[in-house]
PDB file of N, CA and C in Angstrom:
ATOM      1  N   MET A   1     236.050 125.181  -3.812  1.00  0.00           N
ATOM      2  CA  MET A   1     234.857 125.251  -5.447  1.00  0.00           C
ATOM      3  C   MET A   1     233.226 125.732  -4.502  1.00  0.00           C
ATOM      4  N   LYS A   2     232.989 126.482  -4.999  1.00  0.00           N
ATOM      5  CA  LYS A   2     231.910 127.459  -4.468  1.00  0.00           C
ATOM      6  C   LYS A   2     230.886 126.503  -5.275  1.00  0.00           C
ATOM      7  N   ARG A   3     229.550 126.110  -4.258  1.00  0.00           N
ATOM      8  CA  ARG A   3     228.253 125.639  -4.879  1.00  0.00           C
ATOM      9  C   ARG A   3     226.836 126.617  -5.181  1.00  0.00           C
ATOM     10  N   ARG A   4     226.935 126.909  -6.072  1.00  0.00           N
ATOM     11  CA  ARG A   4     225.534 128.145  -6.594  1.00  0.00           C
ATOM     12  C   ARG A   4     224.081 127.151  -6.784  1.00  0.00           C
ATOM     13  N   ASN A   5     223.146 127.499  -6.596  1.00  0.00           N
ATOM     14  CA  ASN A   5     222.318 127.072  -6.293  1.00  0.00           C
ATOM     15  C   ASN A   5     221.968 127.617  -8.192  1.00  0.00           C
ATOM     16  N   GLU A   6     221.062 127.044  -9.090  1.00  0.00           N
ATOM     17  CA  GLU A   6     220.205 127.972  -9.756  1.00  0.00           C
ATOM     18  C   GLU A   6     220.156 129.541 -10.594  1.00  0.00           C
ATOM     19  N   ALA A   7     219.720 130.692  -9.024  1.00  0.00           N
ATOM     20  CA  ALA A   7     220.145 131.530  -9.542  1.00  0.00           C
ATOM     21  C   ALA A   7     221.714 132.270  -9.373  1.00  0.00           C
ATOM     22  N   GLY A   8     222.628 131.670  -9.191  1.00  0.00           N
ATOM     23  CA  GLY A   8     224.007 131.757  -9.554  1.00  0.00           C
ATOM     24  C   GLY A   8     224.383 131.900  -7.523  1.00  0.00           C
ATOM     25  N   LYS A   9     223.859 131.634  -6.357  1.00  0.00           N
ATOM     26  CA  LYS A   9     223.850 132.267  -6.008  1.00  0.00           C
ATOM     27  C   LYS A   9     224.759 131.596  -4.485  1.00  0.00           C
ATOM     28  N   VAL A  10     225.655 131.602  -3.917  1.00  0.00           N
ATOM     29  CA  VAL A  10     226.974 131.097  -3.497  1.00  0.00           C
ATOM     30  C   VAL A  10     225.630 130.367  -2.782  1.00  0.00           C
ATOM     31  N   VAL A  11     225.539 128.761  -1.880  1.00  0.00           N
ATOM     32  CA  VAL A  11     224.709 128.839  -1.247  1.00  0.00           C
ATOM     33  C   VAL A  11     226.010 127.501  -0.416  1.00  0.00           C
ATOM     34  N   GLY A  12     226.803 127.234  -1.226  1.00  0.00           N
ATOM     35  CA  GLY A  12     228.068 126.006  -0.165  1.00  0.00           C
ATOM     36  C   GLY A  12     229.326 126.302  -0.820  1.00  0.00           C
ATOM     37  N   TYR A  13     230.566 125.634   0.128  1.00  0.00           N
ATOM     38  CA  TYR A  13     231.712 125.358  -0.542  1.00  0.00           C
ATOM     39  C   TYR A  13     231.595 123.888  -0.331  1.00  0.00           C
ATOM     40  N   GLN A  14     232.387 123.667  -2.055  1.00  0.00           N
ATOM     41  CA  GLN A  14     233.159 121.901  -1.955  1.00  0.00           C
ATOM     42  C   GLN A  14     234.616 121.720  -1.193  1.00  0.00           C
ATOM     43  N   VAL A  15     235.220 121.636  -0.545  1.00  0.00           N
ATOM     44  CA  VAL A  15     237.068 121.022  -0.426  1.00  0.00           C
ATOM     45  C   VAL A  15     237.702 120.434  -0.992  1.00  0.00           C
ATOM     46  N   LEU A  16     238.323 120.967  -2.324  1.00  0.00           N
ATOM     47  CA  LEU A  16     238.990 120.156  -3.518  1.00  0.00           C
ATOM     48  C   LEU A  16     240.358 119.454  -2.389  1.00  0.00           C
ATOM     49  N   ASN A  17     240.944 118.172  -3.473  1.00  0.00           N
ATOM     50  CA  ASN A  17     241.968 117.628  -3.481  1.00  0.00           C
ATOM     51  C   ASN A  17     243.182 118.382  -3.873  1.00  0.00           C
ATOM     52  N   THR A  18     244.167 119.414  -2.961  1.00  0.00           N
ATOM     53  CA  THR A  18     244.750 119.813  -3.748  1.00  0.00           C
ATOM     54  C   THR A  18     245.585 118.787  -5.135  1.00  0.00           C
ATOM     55  N   ARG A  19     246.005 117.797  -4.790  1.00  0.00           N
ATOM     56  CA  ARG A  19     246.649 117.135  -6.399  1.00  0.00           C
ATOM     57  C   ARG A  19     245.538 116.465  -7.162  1.00  0.00           C
ATOM     58  N   ASP A  20     244.006 116.823  -7.222  1.00  0.00           N
ATOM     59  CA  ASP A  20     243.061 117.386  -8.106  1.00  0.00           C
ATOM     60  C   ASP A  20     242.867 118.697  -9.569  1.00  0.00           C
ATOM     61  N   VAL A  21     243.628 119.275  -8.600  1.00  0.00           N
ATOM     62  CA  VAL A  21     243.638 120.705  -9.560  1.00  0.00           C
ATOM     63  C   VAL A  21     244.593 120.808  -9.755  1.00  0.00           C
ATOM     64  N   SER A  22     244.399 121.865 -10.724  1.00  0.00           N
ATOM     65  CA  SER A  22     246.560 122.868 -11.700  1.00  0.00           C
ATOM     66  C   SER A  22     245.201 124.086 -11.360  1.00  0.00           C
ATOM     67  N   ILE A  23     245.829 124.961 -11.432  1.00  0.00           N
ATOM     68  CA  ILE A  23     246.049 126.525 -11.844  1.00  0.00           C
ATOM     69  C   ILE A  23     246.326 126.595 -13.119  1.00  0.00           C
ATOM     70  N   ARG A  24     245.655 127.693 -14.122  1.00  0.00           N
ATOM     71  CA  ARG A  24     245.692 127.903 -15.111  1.00  0.00           C
ATOM     72  C   ARG A  24     245.894 129.297 -14.642  1.00  0.00           C
ATOM     73  N   ALA A  25     247.490 130.045 -15.209  1.00  0.00           N
ATOM     74  CA  ALA A  25     247.265 132.381 -14.971  1.00  0.00           C
ATOM     75  C   ALA A  25     248.688 132.449 -15.611  1.00  0.00           C
ATOM     76  N   THR A  26     248.765 133.695 -15.952  1.00  0.00           N
ATOM     77  CA  THR A  26     249.055 133.914 -17.132  1.00  0.00           C
ATOM     78  C   THR A  26     250.426 134.754 -17.079  1.00  0.00           C
ATOM     79  N   THR A  27     252.079 134.893 -17.092  1.00  0.00           N
ATOM     80  CA  THR A  27     253.252 135.009 -17.009  1.00  0.00           C
ATOM     81  C   THR A  27     252.444 135.833 -15.938  1.00  0.00           C
ATOM     82  N   ASP A  28     252.275 136.688 -15.300  1.00  0.00           N
ATOM     83  CA  ASP A  28     252.773 137.720 -15.150  1.00  0.00           C
ATOM     84  C   ASP A  28     251.853 137.053 -13.235  1.00  0.00           C
ATOM     85  N   PHE A  29     251.488 135.950 -12.870  1.00  0.00           N
ATOM     86  CA  PHE A  29     250.685 135.036 -11.863  1.00  0.00           C
ATOM     87  C   PHE A  29     249.153 135.490 -11.530  1.00  0.00           C
ATOM     88  N   GLN A  30     249.000 136.213 -12.513  1.00  0.00           N
ATOM     89  CA  GLN A  30     247.206 136.544 -12.867  1.00  0.00           C
ATOM     90  C   GLN A  30     247.072 135.237 -12.828  1.00  0.00           C
ATOM     91  N   ILE A  31     246.085 134.604 -11.767  1.00  0.00           N
ATOM     92  CA  ILE A  31     244.805 133.742 -11.472  1.00  0.00           C
ATOM     93  C   ILE A  31     243.744 133.214 -12.458  1.00  0.00           C
ATOM     94  N   ILE A  32     243.836 132.498 -13.852  1.00  0.00           N
ATOM     95  CA  ILE A  32     242.664 133.090 -15.170  1.00  0.00           C
ATOM     96  C   ILE A  32     242.035 132.165 -14.687  1.00  0.00           C
ATOM     97  N   GLY A  33     241.846 130.485 -13.837  1.00  0.00           N
ATOM     98  CA  GLY A  33     241.165 129.904 -13.997  1.00  0.00           C
ATOM     99  C   GLY A  33     242.096 128.483 -12.959  1.00  0.00           C
ATOM    100  N   TYR A  34     240.896 127.503 -13.322  1.00  0.00           N
ATOM    101  CA  TYR A  34     241.342 126.647 -12.495  1.00  0.00           C
ATOM    102  C   TYR A  34     240.448 125.377 -13.348  1.00  0.00           C
ATOM    103  N   ASN A  35     241.344 124.006 -13.102  1.00  0.00           N
ATOM    104  CA  ASN A  35     241.377 122.576 -14.464  1.00  0.00           C
ATOM    105  C   ASN A  35     241.014 121.132 -12.973  1.00  0.00           C
ATOM    106  N   VAL A  36     239.907 120.760 -12.371  1.00  0.00           N
ATOM    107  CA  VAL A  36     239.668 120.362 -11.388  1.00  0.00           C
ATOM    108  C   VAL A  36     239.648 118.534 -12.368  1.00  0.00           C
ATOM    109  N   ARG A  37     240.430 118.020 -11.717  1.00  0.00           N
ATOM    110  CA  ARG A  37     239.989 116.186 -11.831  1.00  0.00           C
ATOM    111  C   ARG A  37     238.466 115.644 -10.364  1.00  0.00           C
ATOM    112  N   LEU A  38     238.056 115.398 -11.236  1.00  0.00           N
ATOM    113  CA  LEU A  38     236.806 114.829 -10.452  1.00  0.00           C
ATOM    114  C   LEU A  38     237.121 113.654 -10.494  1.00  0.00           C
ATOM    115  N   PRO A  39     236.191 112.268  -9.334  1.00  0.00           N
ATOM    116  CA  PRO A  39     236.665 111.725  -9.006  1.00  0.00           C
ATOM    117  C   PRO A  39     235.879 110.246  -9.754  1.00  0.00           C
ATOM    118  N   LYS A  40     236.618 109.505 -10.090  1.00  0.00           N
ATOM    119  CA  LYS A  40     235.510 109.022 -10.863  1.00  0.00           C
ATOM    120  C   LYS A  40     234.840 108.883 -12.181  1.00  0.00           C
ATOM    121  N   ARG A  41     235.890 110.680 -12.910  1.00  0.00           N
ATOM    122  CA  ARG A  41     235.435 111.132 -14.243  1.00  0.00           C
ATOM    123  C   ARG A  41     236.464 110.917 -15.076  1.00  0.00           C
ATOM    124  N   THR A  42     236.953 110.555 -16.559  1.00  0.00           N
ATOM    125  CA  THR A  42     237.692 111.168 -17.671  1.00  0.00           C
ATOM    126  C   THR A  42     238.082 112.510 -17.893  1.00  0.00           C
ATOM    127  N   GLN A  43     236.671 113.174 -17.424  1.00  0.00           N
ATOM    128  CA  GLN A  43     237.719 114.316 -18.173  1.00  0.00           C
ATOM    129  C   GLN A  43     237.612 115.595 -16.782  1.00  0.00           C
ATOM    130  N   GLU A  44     238.672 116.526 -16.750  1.00  0.00           N
ATOM    131  CA  GLU A  44     238.797 117.545 -16.400  1.00  0.00           C
ATOM    132  C   GLU A  44     237.325 119.203 -16.336  1.00  0.00           C
ATOM    133  N   LEU A  45     237.167 119.803 -15.287  1.00  0.00           N
ATOM    134  CA  LEU A  45     235.933 120.001 -15.026  1.00  0.00           C
ATOM    135  C   LEU A  45     236.788 121.699 -15.427  1.00  0.00           C
ATOM    136  N   GLN A  46     236.664 122.561 -15.958  1.00  0.00           N
ATOM    137  CA  GLN A  46     237.192 123.680 -16.462  1.00  0.00           C
ATOM    138  C   GLN A  46     236.768 125.283 -15.354  1.00  0.00           C
ATOM    139  N   LEU A  47     236.964 125.320 -14.677  1.00  0.00           N
ATOM    140  CA  LEU A  47     236.221 125.969 -13.386  1.00  0.00           C
ATOM    141  C   LEU A  47     237.310 128.586 -13.814  1.00  0.00           C
ATOM    142  N   GLY A  48     236.907 128.945 -13.993  1.00  0.00           N
ATOM    143  CA  GLY A  48     237.082 130.185 -13.599  1.00  0.00           C
ATOM    144  C   GLY A  48     237.709 130.976 -12.307  1.00  0.00           C
ATOM    145  N   ALA A  49     238.423 131.722 -12.546  1.00  0.00           N
ATOM    146  CA  ALA A  49     238.916 132.106 -11.580  1.00  0.00           C
ATOM    147  C   ALA A  49     237.380 132.525 -10.455  1.00  0.00           C
ATOM    148  N   ASP A  50     236.735 133.351 -10.803  1.00  0.00           N
ATOM    149  CA  ASP A  50     235.887 133.009  -9.224  1.00  0.00           C
ATOM    150  C   ASP A  50     234.990 131.746  -8.792  1.00  0.00           C
ATOM    151  N   ASP A  51     235.186 131.168  -9.266  1.00  0.00           N
ATOM    152  CA  ASP A  51     234.346 130.448  -8.126  1.00  0.00           C
ATOM    153  C   ASP A  51     235.060 128.864  -7.861  1.00  0.00           C
ATOM    154  N   VAL A  52     236.623 129.482  -7.845  1.00  0.00           N
ATOM    155  CA  VAL A  52     236.986 128.499  -5.987  1.00  0.00           C
ATOM    156  C   VAL A  52     237.971 129.788  -5.570  1.00  0.00           C
ATOM    157  N   LEU A  53     237.963 129.261  -4.072  1.00  0.00           N
ATOM    158  CA  LEU A  53     237.724 130.377  -2.787  1.00  0.00           C
ATOM    159  C   LEU A  53     239.610 129.687  -2.770  1.00  0.00           C
ATOM    160  N   HIS A  54     240.624 130.367  -3.236  1.00  0.00           N
ATOM    161  CA  HIS A  54     241.675 129.555  -3.198  1.00  0.00           C
ATOM    162  C   HIS A  54     242.523 130.143  -1.603  1.00  0.00           C
ATOM    163  N   VAL A  55     243.156 129.453  -0.959  1.00  0.00           N
ATOM    164  CA  VAL A  55     243.256 130.512   0.169  1.00  0.00           C
ATOM    165  C   VAL A  55     244.837 129.439   1.050  1.00  0.00           C
ATOM    166  N   GLY A  56     245.363 130.402   1.570  1.00  0.00           N
ATOM    167  CA  GLY A  56     246.315 128.914   2.641  1.00  0.00           C
ATOM    168  C   GLY A  56     247.253 130.495   2.915  1.00  0.00           C
ATOM    169  N   MET A  57     248.476 129.977   3.574  1.00  0.00           N
ATOM    170  CA  MET A  57     249.314 130.165   5.444  1.00  0.00           C
ATOM    171  C   MET A  57     250.279 131.098   4.183  1.00  0.00           C
ATOM    172  N   THR A  58     250.714 130.577   4.300  1.00  0.00           N
ATOM    173  CA  THR A  58     252.049 131.306   3.039  1.00  0.00           C
ATOM    174  C   THR A  58     251.742 131.169   2.020  1.00  0.00           C
ATOM    175  N   LEU A  59     253.312 132.693   1.247  1.00  0.00           N
ATOM    176  CA  LEU A  59     252.654 132.362   0.259  1.00  0.00           C
ATOM    177  C   LEU A  59     254.323 131.964  -0.399  1.00  0.00           C
ATOM    178  N   ASP A  60     254.307 130.346  -1.814  1.00  0.00           N
ATOM    179  CA  ASP A  60     256.207 130.477  -1.697  1.00  0.00           C
ATOM    180  C   ASP A  60     256.389 131.923  -2.562  1.00  0.00           C
ATOM    181  N   GLN A  61     257.645 131.837  -1.782  1.00  0.00           N
ATOM    182  CA  GLN A  61     258.404 133.228  -1.756  1.00  0.00           C
ATOM    183  C   GLN A  61     258.658 132.340  -3.620  1.00  0.00           C
ATOM    184  N   ASP A  62     259.013 131.256  -3.819  1.00  0.00           N
ATOM    185  CA  ASP A  62     259.568 131.231  -5.150  1.00  0.00           C
ATOM    186  C   ASP A  62     258.183 131.027  -7.078  1.00  0.00           C
ATOM    187  N   ASP A  63     257.088 131.310  -6.275  1.00  0.00           N
ATOM    188  CA  ASP A  63     256.380 131.227  -7.016  1.00  0.00           C
ATOM    189  C   ASP A  63     255.063 131.668  -6.659  1.00  0.00           C
ATOM    190  N   GLY A  64     254.199 133.078  -7.118  1.00  0.00           N
ATOM    191  CA  GLY A  64     253.421 133.938  -6.677  1.00  0.00           C
ATOM    192  C   GLY A  64     252.100 133.535  -6.912  1.00  0.00           C
ATOM    193  N   ILE A  65     251.841 131.945  -7.064  1.00  0.00           N
ATOM    194  CA  ILE A  65     250.094 131.884  -6.572  1.00  0.00           C
ATOM    195  C   ILE A  65     249.791 130.635  -6.333  1.00  0.00           C
ATOM    196  N   PHE A  66     251.173 129.873  -5.753  1.00  0.00           N
ATOM    197  CA  PHE A  66     251.285 128.518  -4.729  1.00  0.00           C
ATOM    198  C   PHE A  66     251.072 129.101  -3.538  1.00  0.00           C
ATOM    199  N   PHE A  67     250.516 127.917  -2.548  1.00  0.00           N
ATOM    200  CA  PHE A  67     250.968 128.467  -0.929  1.00  0.00           C
ATOM    201  C   PHE A  67     252.010 127.238  -0.682  1.00  0.00           C
ATOM    202  N   MET A  68     253.478 126.997   0.001  1.00  0.00           N
ATOM    203  CA  MET A  68     253.879 126.436   0.919  1.00  0.00           C
ATOM    204  C   MET A  68     252.837 125.938   2.229  1.00  0.00           C
ATOM    205  N   SER A  69     253.746 124.927   2.726  1.00  0.00           N
ATOM    206  CA  SER A  69     252.497 124.161   3.630  1.00  0.00           C
ATOM    207  C   SER A  69     253.418 124.358   4.732  1.00  0.00           C
ATOM    208  N   PRO A  70     252.778 124.498   5.865  1.00  0.00           N
ATOM    209  CA  PRO A  70     253.387 124.969   7.340  1.00  0.00           C
ATOM    210  C   PRO A  70     254.442 125.398   8.085  1.00  0.00           C
ATOM    211  N   LEU A  71     254.903 123.304   7.251  1.00  0.00           N
ATOM    212  CA  LEU A  71     256.547 123.110   8.019  1.00  0.00           C
ATOM    213  C   LEU A  71     257.410 123.086   6.727  1.00  0.00           C
ATOM    214  N   GLU A  72     256.850 123.989   5.834  1.00  0.00           N
ATOM    215  CA  GLU A  72     257.921 123.935   4.570  1.00  0.00           C
ATOM    216  C   GLU A  72     259.017 125.458   5.822  1.00  0.00           C
ATOM    217  N   SER A  73     257.325 126.497   5.968  1.00  0.00           N
ATOM    218  CA  SER A  73     258.129 127.780   6.578  1.00  0.00           C
ATOM    219  C   SER A  73     259.378 128.037   7.316  1.00  0.00           C
ATOM    220  N   VAL A  74     259.651 126.096   8.239  1.00  0.00           N
ATOM    221  CA  VAL A  74     260.477 125.856   8.793  1.00  0.00           C
ATOM    222  C   VAL A  74     261.260 125.462   8.755  1.00  0.00           C
ATOM    223  N   ARG A  75     261.640 124.398   7.528  1.00  0.00           N
ATOM    224  CA  ARG A  75     263.104 123.145   6.963  1.00  0.00           C
ATOM    225  C   ARG A  75     263.019 124.963   6.691  1.00  0.00           C
ATOM    226  N   LEU A  76     263.165 125.334   5.734  1.00  0.00           N
ATOM    227  CA  LEU A  76     263.585 127.273   5.173  1.00  0.00           C
ATOM    228  C   LEU A  76     264.261 127.718   6.175  1.00  0.00           C
ATOM    229  N   ASP A  77     263.576 127.954   7.425  1.00  0.00           N
ATOM    230  CA  ASP A  77     264.511 128.602   8.780  1.00  0.00           C
ATOM    231  C   ASP A  77     265.520 127.337   9.161  1.00  0.00           C
ATOM    232  N   VAL A  78     265.325 126.238   9.275  1.00  0.00           N
ATOM    233  CA  VAL A  78     266.160 125.328   9.848  1.00  0.00           C
ATOM    234  C   VAL A  78     267.319 125.343   8.727  1.00  0.00           C
ATOM    235  N   LEU A  79     267.410 125.843   7.403  1.00  0.00           N
ATOM    236  CA  LEU A  79     268.381 125.703   6.169  1.00  0.00           C
ATOM    237  C   LEU A  79     268.959 126.722   6.206  1.00  0.00           C
TER     238      LEU A  79
END
């Protein structure tokens, strides 16, 4: 998650636990935002697509917005 100062400039990043993040996307796999459940809070934080740096190594072949674990591609090769 991008950390911004009062002027809106990115000053750092916060790594989010993937178990606490839900992706909001269109049916065409265009990411429109994220819902983040923060620790010790009962509500979710809604972030726009530009507020989160979404990175991964290998895209899931079955779903265009998720990434696979590095071990998942090895499992697929073995199968």
